[in-house]
Protein backbone atom coordinates (compact mmCIF):
# COMPACT_ATOMS: atom_id res chain seq x y z
CA UNK A 1 0.07 -0.19 0.38
CA UNK A 2 1.21 3.56 -0.79
CA UNK A 3 1.03 5.97 1.68
CA UNK A 4 0.94 9.77 0.08
CA UNK A 5 2.42 12.90 1.05
CA UNK A 6 -0.38 13.58 3.49
CA UNK A 7 0.04 10.05 5.57
CA UNK A 8 -3.04 8.55 4.54
CA UNK A 9 -3.66 5.58 2.41
CA UNK A 10 -4.48 5.59 -1.28
CA UNK A 11 -7.71 3.30 -0.04
CA UNK A 12 -8.28 4.29 3.47
CA UNK A 13 -11.77 6.28 2.32
CA UNK A 14 -13.12 2.28 1.32
CA UNK A 15 -11.27 0.27 3.09
CA UNK A 16 -13.48 -0.60 6.04
CA UNK A 17 -17.14 -0.47 4.39
CA UNK A 18 -19.10 -3.31 4.03
CA UNK A 19 -18.84 -5.71 0.99
CA UNK A 20 -21.36 -4.69 -1.69
CA UNK A 21 -24.12 -7.26 -1.79
CA UNK A 22 -26.51 -7.17 -4.95
CA UNK A 23 -29.88 -7.08 -4.26
CA UNK A 24 -31.51 -8.45 -7.32
CA UNK A 25 -28.88 -11.26 -8.54
CA UNK A 26 -27.90 -14.19 -6.49
CA UNK A 27 -24.50 -15.29 -4.96
CA UNK A 28 -22.43 -16.71 -7.33
CA UNK A 29 -20.93 -20.23 -5.78
CA UNK A 30 -17.61 -20.90 -5.28
CA UNK A 31 -17.59 -23.29 -8.02
CA UNK A 32 -18.93 -20.85 -10.62
CA UNK A 33 -16.43 -18.45 -9.50
CA UNK A 34 -13.55 -20.37 -9.79
CA UNK A 35 -14.56 -21.49 -13.05
CA UNK A 36 -14.14 -18.19 -14.73
CA UNK A 37 -10.63 -18.64 -13.87
CA UNK A 38 -10.42 -22.47 -15.32
CA UNK A 39 -7.91 -22.44 -18.52
CA UNK A 40 -9.68 -22.28 -21.72
CA UNK A 41 -9.28 -24.81 -24.44
CA UNK A 42 -6.97 -22.63 -26.99
CA UNK A 43 -7.00 -25.54 -29.33
CA UNK A 44 -10.13 -26.70 -29.86
CA UNK A 45 -10.59 -30.03 -30.64
CA UNK A 46 -7.19 -30.94 -29.91
CA UNK A 47 -8.30 -33.29 -26.66
CA UNK A 48 -10.39 -35.28 -29.27
CA UNK A 49 -7.47 -36.09 -31.65
CA UNK A 50 -5.46 -37.10 -28.60
CA UNK A 51 -7.97 -39.46 -27.56
CA UNK A 52 -8.86 -40.54 -31.18
CA UNK A 53 -4.92 -41.40 -31.60
CA UNK A 54 -4.60 -43.27 -28.54
CA UNK A 55 -7.99 -45.61 -29.46
CA UNK A 56 -6.79 -48.74 -30.25
CA UNK A 57 -7.78 -51.12 -33.04
CA UNK A 58 -7.02 -54.86 -33.71
CA UNK A 59 -5.50 -56.10 -36.77
CA UNK A 60 -7.09 -58.72 -38.68
CA UNK A 61 -5.94 -61.89 -37.95
CA UNK A 62 -5.49 -64.38 -40.93
CA UNK A 63 -6.85 -67.58 -40.75
CA UNK A 64 -4.85 -70.76 -41.09
CA UNK A 65 -5.52 -72.86 -43.87
CA UNK A 66 -6.89 -75.60 -41.73
CA UNK A 67 -9.47 -73.30 -40.31
CA UNK A 68 -10.27 -71.37 -43.14
CA UNK A 69 -10.96 -74.93 -44.82
CA UNK A 70 -13.30 -75.76 -41.35
CA UNK A 71 -14.95 -72.48 -41.84
CA UNK A 72 -15.69 -72.91 -45.35
CA UNK A 73 -17.43 -76.52 -44.39
CA UNK A 74 -19.62 -74.72 -41.89
CA UNK A 75 -20.66 -71.91 -44.31
CA UNK A 76 -21.65 -75.15 -46.65
CA UNK A 77 -23.62 -76.73 -43.94
CA UNK A 78 -25.29 -73.44 -42.96
CA UNK A 79 -25.89 -72.84 -46.61
CA UNK A 80 -27.42 -76.14 -46.97
CA UNK A 81 -29.89 -75.63 -43.60
CA UNK A 82 -30.47 -72.05 -44.08
CA UNK A 83 -34.16 -72.37 -44.61
CA UNK A 84 -34.86 -74.33 -41.44
CA UNK A 85 -33.54 -71.47 -39.69
CA UNK A 86 -30.54 -72.56 -37.54
CA UNK A 87 -29.43 -70.18 -34.58
CA UNK A 88 -25.76 -69.85 -34.90
CA UNK A 89 -22.97 -67.81 -33.16
CA UNK A 90 -20.78 -65.88 -35.25
CA UNK A 91 -17.52 -63.87 -35.09
CA UNK A 92 -16.64 -61.06 -37.24
CA UNK A 93 -14.63 -58.36 -37.86
CA UNK A 94 -15.86 -54.68 -38.39
CA UNK A 95 -13.39 -52.49 -39.94
CA UNK A 96 -12.91 -49.13 -38.22
CA UNK A 97 -13.74 -46.12 -40.28
CA UNK A 98 -11.36 -44.10 -38.99
CA UNK A 99 -7.69 -45.61 -38.95
CA UNK A 100 -6.06 -48.86 -39.50
CA UNK A 101 -7.46 -52.02 -38.09
CA UNK A 102 -10.68 -52.43 -36.61
CA UNK A 103 -12.30 -54.98 -34.03
CA UNK A 104 -13.97 -58.45 -33.70
CA UNK A 105 -17.57 -58.54 -32.31
CA UNK A 106 -19.46 -61.54 -31.89
CA UNK A 107 -23.80 -62.10 -32.39
CA UNK A 108 -26.15 -64.49 -32.05
CA UNK A 109 -29.06 -65.62 -34.46
CA UNK A 110 -30.72 -67.35 -36.76
CA UNK A 111 -29.85 -67.62 -40.08
CA UNK A 112 -32.39 -65.90 -42.72
CA UNK A 113 -30.27 -65.82 -46.01
CA UNK A 114 -26.61 -66.83 -47.15
CA UNK A 115 -26.08 -64.77 -50.79
CA UNK A 116 -22.31 -66.88 -51.71
CA UNK A 117 -22.73 -64.74 -55.35
CA UNK A 118 -23.38 -61.75 -53.29
CA UNK A 119 -20.84 -62.81 -50.27
CA UNK A 120 -23.42 -62.14 -47.58
CA UNK A 121 -25.42 -63.75 -44.44
CA UNK A 122 -28.37 -62.31 -43.31
CA UNK A 123 -29.56 -63.07 -40.21
CA UNK A 124 -33.68 -63.06 -38.92
CA UNK A 125 -32.97 -59.61 -37.26
CA UNK A 126 -32.23 -58.01 -40.26
CA UNK A 127 -28.53 -57.84 -39.72
CA UNK A 128 -26.01 -58.39 -42.56
CA UNK A 129 -22.74 -59.89 -42.49
CA UNK A 130 -19.81 -59.67 -45.29
CA UNK A 131 -18.83 -63.68 -45.68
CA UNK A 132 -15.21 -62.34 -45.83
CA UNK A 133 -15.52 -61.09 -42.44
CA UNK A 134 -16.66 -64.08 -40.70
CA UNK A 135 -13.87 -65.77 -38.89
CA UNK A 136 -15.62 -68.42 -36.74
CA UNK A 137 -19.11 -70.24 -36.68
CA UNK A 138 -20.60 -72.15 -33.90
CA UNK A 139 -23.93 -73.41 -33.14
CA UNK A 140 -25.73 -76.63 -32.51
CA UNK A 141 -26.17 -77.23 -36.03
CA UNK A 142 -22.54 -77.90 -36.40
CA UNK A 143 -22.81 -79.96 -32.74
CA UNK A 144 -25.31 -82.71 -34.30
CA UNK A 145 -23.18 -82.74 -37.58
CA UNK A 146 -20.48 -84.11 -35.56
CA UNK A 147 -17.99 -80.80 -35.73
CA UNK A 148 -16.38 -78.98 -32.60
């Protein structure tokens, strides 16, 4: 505090006045008050870019020859039984839209149609999968035919 030549401080006339309280506005919470001084995002979208870069994807697994043959055998059996709508469990690959790789998912359902020419399999739910993306097929149908 600076003292003038007269020996009085610069704010002596207001230093002991009561704190002003507005009659028309509500008191701001400590949290909101502190928020005024929080840092702002100078680089809009930068955080999302970092999160996207850090997000992991799986690589597509290539099936070995015996596994590919087994999958083809199961697809053939499934095509022959498709009209009966067998219930199966399918593991398939979904390619990531934003970066290399993707993820594997599993779904269950009854077969509605297999389109070998178009390379698709349709479930009774309406979900359509590309045959090339399927990595495993399981279900009672295969157990009944002596396959594991």
